[in-house]
Amino acid sequence: MIRIILVSALTLGLSSFANAHNHEKHEACAKDRETLCAGMEPGKGLHKCMKENKEKLSAECKAHVETMKEHMKDMKDACQADKEKYCGNVEQGKGRIIKCMKENKDKLSAECKAEIESAKAARKGK
């Protein structure tokens, strides 16, 4: 289940690994992505590359990843009921649950929306 939430967060763009070229230069893992996984794109091996190189990540990036893990746990807890309510019959895999959650984003509980926004802000270093 944690893996599903992690993949979900990545797909939602809540991870520091996603959308590498669209973040501000101060983003914690940008240099690590450029040096360890040059040319790789989100959804095309970037996350796997970063994970395989986790021991080589800078201290700043490692700290950011840990912070994001905490936000993802909080988001999982806050969004579990919504996931079950709106996407409980959706087969897992291939981003189907994420797609379902995005399609139902206006119906999500205030708590779930707040945790998603908190994780987004943390990703951007705010």
C-alpha atoms as a PDB file:
ATOM      1  CA  MET A   1       0.000   0.000   0.000  1.00  0.00           C
ATOM      2  CA  ILE A   2       2.840   2.408   0.810  1.00  0.00           C
ATOM      3  CA  ARG A   3       4.294   1.750  -2.640  1.00  0.00           C
ATOM      4  CA  ILE A   4       0.958   2.595  -4.251  1.00  0.00           C
ATOM      5  CA  ILE A   5       0.791   5.863  -2.337  1.00  0.00           C
ATOM      6  CA  LEU A   6       4.398   6.662  -3.255  1.00  0.00           C
ATOM      7  CA  VAL A   7       3.705   6.011  -6.919  1.00  0.00           C
ATOM      8  CA  SER A   8       0.514   8.031  -6.560  1.00  0.00           C
ATOM      9  CA  ALA A   9       2.382  10.938  -5.093  1.00  0.00           C
ATOM     10  CA  LEU A  10       4.937  10.792  -7.854  1.00  0.00           C
ATOM     11  CA  THR A  11       2.234  10.788 -10.461  1.00  0.00           C
ATOM     12  CA  LEU A  12       0.525  13.742  -8.830  1.00  0.00           C
ATOM     13  CA  GLY A  13       3.801  15.596  -9.027  1.00  0.00           C
ATOM     14  CA  LEU A  14       4.332  15.606  -5.294  1.00  0.00           C
ATOM     15  CA  SER A  15       7.715  14.026  -5.375  1.00  0.00           C
ATOM     16  CA  SER A  16      10.952  15.853  -5.725  1.00  0.00           C
ATOM     17  CA  PHE A  17      11.872  13.461  -8.515  1.00  0.00           C
ATOM     18  CA  ALA A  18       9.012  14.305 -10.854  1.00  0.00           C
ATOM     19  CA  ASN A  19       9.114  16.982 -13.537  1.00  0.00           C
ATOM     20  CA  ALA A  20      12.830  17.623 -13.109  1.00  0.00           C
ATOM     21  CA  HIS A  21      13.104  20.274 -15.779  1.00  0.00           C
ATOM     22  CA  ASN A  22      10.132  22.334 -14.591  1.00  0.00           C
ATOM     23  CA  HIS A  23      11.272  23.093 -11.033  1.00  0.00           C
ATOM     24  CA  GLU A  24      13.133  26.103  -9.814  1.00  0.00           C
ATOM     25  CA  LYS A  25      16.914  25.802  -9.714  1.00  0.00           C
ATOM     26  CA  HIS A  26      16.960  25.780  -5.908  1.00  0.00           C
ATOM     27  CA  GLU A  27      15.024  22.520  -5.823  1.00  0.00           C
ATOM     28  CA  ALA A  28      16.813  20.106  -3.478  1.00  0.00           C
ATOM     29  CA  CYS A  29      17.426  17.209  -5.872  1.00  0.00           C
ATOM     30  CA  ALA A  30      17.965  19.031  -9.176  1.00  0.00           C
ATOM     31  CA  LYS A  31      21.764  18.652  -9.217  1.00  0.00           C
ATOM     32  CA  ASP A  32      21.515  15.001  -8.201  1.00  0.00           C
ATOM     33  CA  ARG A  33      19.083  14.314 -11.060  1.00  0.00           C
ATOM     34  CA  GLU A  34      21.350  16.087 -13.521  1.00  0.00           C
ATOM     35  CA  THR A  35      24.520  14.287 -12.456  1.00  0.00           C
ATOM     36  CA  LEU A  36      23.166  10.832 -11.591  1.00  0.00           C
ATOM     37  CA  CYS A  37      20.303  10.474 -14.059  1.00  0.00           C
ATOM     38  CA  ALA A  38      21.061  12.850 -16.926  1.00  0.00           C
ATOM     39  CA  GLY A  39      18.626  12.601 -19.796  1.00  0.00           C
ATOM     40  CA  MET A  40      16.065  10.534 -17.907  1.00  0.00           C
ATOM     41  CA  GLU A  41      12.496  11.777 -17.730  1.00  0.00           C
ATOM     42  CA  PRO A  42       9.625  11.306 -15.262  1.00  0.00           C
ATOM     43  CA  GLY A  43       7.702   8.190 -16.146  1.00  0.00           C
ATOM     44  CA  LYS A  44      10.625   6.913 -18.217  1.00  0.00           C
ATOM     45  CA  GLY A  45      13.053   5.626 -15.607  1.00  0.00           C
ATOM     46  CA  LEU A  46      13.889   8.769 -13.625  1.00  0.00           C
ATOM     47  CA  HIS A  47      12.418   7.554 -10.339  1.00  0.00           C
ATOM     48  CA  LYS A  48      14.076   4.156 -10.706  1.00  0.00           C
ATOM     49  CA  CYS A  49      17.428   5.804 -11.432  1.00  0.00           C
ATOM     50  CA  MET A  50      17.175   8.091  -8.401  1.00  0.00           C
ATOM     51  CA  LYS A  51      16.179   5.172  -6.201  1.00  0.00           C
ATOM     52  CA  GLU A  52      19.083   3.058  -7.483  1.00  0.00           C
ATOM     53  CA  ASN A  53      21.438   5.935  -6.667  1.00  0.00           C
ATOM     54  CA  LYS A  54      19.945   6.829  -3.280  1.00  0.00           C
ATOM     55  CA  GLU A  55      23.266   6.288  -1.500  1.00  0.00           C
ATOM     56  CA  LYS A  56      24.920   8.838  -3.807  1.00  0.00           C
ATOM     57  CA  LEU A  57      22.325  11.569  -3.237  1.00  0.00           C
ATOM     58  CA  SER A  58      23.445  14.801  -1.620  1.00  0.00           C
ATOM     59  CA  ALA A  59      22.586  15.395   2.033  1.00  0.00           C
ATOM     60  CA  GLU A  60      20.166  18.131   0.951  1.00  0.00           C
ATOM     61  CA  CYS A  61      18.361  15.779  -1.431  1.00  0.00           C
ATOM     62  CA  LYS A  62      18.258  12.946   1.117  1.00  0.00           C
ATOM     63  CA  ALA A  63      16.723  15.301   3.682  1.00  0.00           C
ATOM     64  CA  HIS A  64      14.179  16.476   1.123  1.00  0.00           C
ATOM     65  CA  VAL A  65      13.258  12.885   0.257  1.00  0.00           C
ATOM     66  CA  GLU A  66      12.714  12.105   3.958  1.00  0.00           C
ATOM     67  CA  THR A  67      10.505  15.174   4.328  1.00  0.00           C
ATOM     68  CA  MET A  68       8.491  14.107   1.299  1.00  0.00           C
ATOM     69  CA  LYS A  69       8.086  10.589   2.721  1.00  0.00           C
ATOM     70  CA  GLU A  70       6.554  12.119   5.844  1.00  0.00           C
ATOM     71  CA  HIS A  71       4.193  14.232   3.759  1.00  0.00           C
ATOM     72  CA  MET A  72       3.237  11.185   1.706  1.00  0.00           C
ATOM     73  CA  LYS A  73       2.425   9.229   4.870  1.00  0.00           C
ATOM     74  CA  ASP A  74       0.256  12.106   6.093  1.00  0.00           C
ATOM     75  CA  MET A  75      -1.410  12.312   2.683  1.00  0.00           C
ATOM     76  CA  LYS A  76      -2.039   8.563   2.647  1.00  0.00           C
ATOM     77  CA  ASP A  77      -3.717   8.782   6.033  1.00  0.00           C
ATOM     78  CA  ALA A  78      -5.763  11.852   5.097  1.00  0.00           C
ATOM     79  CA  CYS A  79      -6.844  10.544   1.681  1.00  0.00           C
ATOM     80  CA  GLN A  80      -7.480   6.857   2.438  1.00  0.00           C
ATOM     81  CA  ALA A  81     -11.242   7.284   2.983  1.00  0.00           C
ATOM     82  CA  ASP A  82     -11.558   9.342  -0.212  1.00  0.00           C
ATOM     83  CA  LYS A  83      -9.587   6.755  -2.166  1.00  0.00           C
ATOM     84  CA  GLU A  84     -11.884   4.007  -0.934  1.00  0.00           C
ATOM     85  CA  LYS A  85     -15.035   6.084  -1.478  1.00  0.00           C
ATOM     86  CA  TYR A  86     -14.316   7.319  -4.994  1.00  0.00           C
ATOM     87  CA  CYS A  87     -11.823   4.795  -6.338  1.00  0.00           C
ATOM     88  CA  GLY A  88     -12.434   1.632  -4.333  1.00  0.00           C
ATOM     89  CA  ASN A  89     -13.567  -0.295  -7.393  1.00  0.00           C
ATOM     90  CA  VAL A  90     -10.664   0.873  -9.568  1.00  0.00           C
ATOM     91  CA  GLU A  91      -8.036  -1.738 -10.390  1.00  0.00           C
ATOM     92  CA  GLN A  92      -4.577  -0.832  -9.132  1.00  0.00           C
ATOM     93  CA  GLY A  93      -1.710  -0.323 -11.537  1.00  0.00           C
ATOM     94  CA  LYS A  94      -0.860   1.788 -14.567  1.00  0.00           C
ATOM     95  CA  GLY A  95      -1.880   4.998 -12.783  1.00  0.00           C
ATOM     96  CA  ARG A  96      -5.575   4.115 -12.703  1.00  0.00           C
ATOM     97  CA  ILE A  97      -6.088   5.110  -9.066  1.00  0.00           C
ATOM     98  CA  ILE A  98      -4.255   8.390  -9.553  1.00  0.00           C
ATOM     99  CA  LYS A  99      -6.378   9.119 -12.596  1.00  0.00           C
ATOM    100  CA  CYS A 100      -9.483   8.372 -10.546  1.00  0.00           C
ATOM    101  CA  MET A 101      -8.350  10.618  -7.683  1.00  0.00           C
ATOM    102  CA  LYS A 102      -7.597  13.441 -10.130  1.00  0.00           C
ATOM    103  CA  GLU A 103     -11.016  13.011 -11.736  1.00  0.00           C
ATOM    104  CA  ASN A 104     -12.584  13.323  -8.285  1.00  0.00           C
ATOM    105  CA  LYS A 105     -10.325  16.091  -6.948  1.00  0.00           C
ATOM    106  CA  ASP A 106     -13.238  18.475  -6.399  1.00  0.00           C
ATOM    107  CA  LYS A 107     -14.995  15.879  -4.238  1.00  0.00           C
ATOM    108  CA  LEU A 108     -12.030  15.103  -1.972  1.00  0.00           C
ATOM    109  CA  SER A 109     -12.327  15.898   1.713  1.00  0.00           C
ATOM    110  CA  ALA A 110     -10.892  19.143   3.039  1.00  0.00           C
ATOM    111  CA  GLU A 111      -8.340  17.136   5.041  1.00  0.00           C
ATOM    112  CA  CYS A 112      -7.129  15.266   1.958  1.00  0.00           C
ATOM    113  CA  LYS A 113      -6.925  18.454  -0.122  1.00  0.00           C
ATOM    114  CA  ALA A 114      -4.998  20.186   2.673  1.00  0.00           C
ATOM    115  CA  GLU A 115      -2.427  17.370   2.864  1.00  0.00           C
ATOM    116  CA  ILE A 116      -1.989  17.384  -0.906  1.00  0.00           C
ATOM    117  CA  GLU A 117      -1.374  21.151  -0.828  1.00  0.00           C
ATOM    118  CA  SER A 118       1.024  20.776   2.094  1.00  0.00           C
ATOM    119  CA  ALA A 119       3.022  18.167   0.210  1.00  0.00           C
ATOM    120  CA  LYS A 120       3.099  20.384  -2.900  1.00  0.00           C
ATOM    121  CA  ALA A 121       4.397  23.310  -0.838  1.00  0.00           C
ATOM    122  CA  ALA A 122       7.067  21.107   0.752  1.00  0.00           C
ATOM    123  CA  ARG A 123       8.175  19.906  -2.654  1.00  0.00           C
ATOM    124  CA  LYS A 124       8.677  23.488  -3.762  1.00  0.00           C
ATOM    125  CA  GLY A 125      10.608  24.289  -0.599  1.00  0.00           C
ATOM    126  CA  LYS A 126       8.008  26.643   0.855  1.00  0.00           C
END
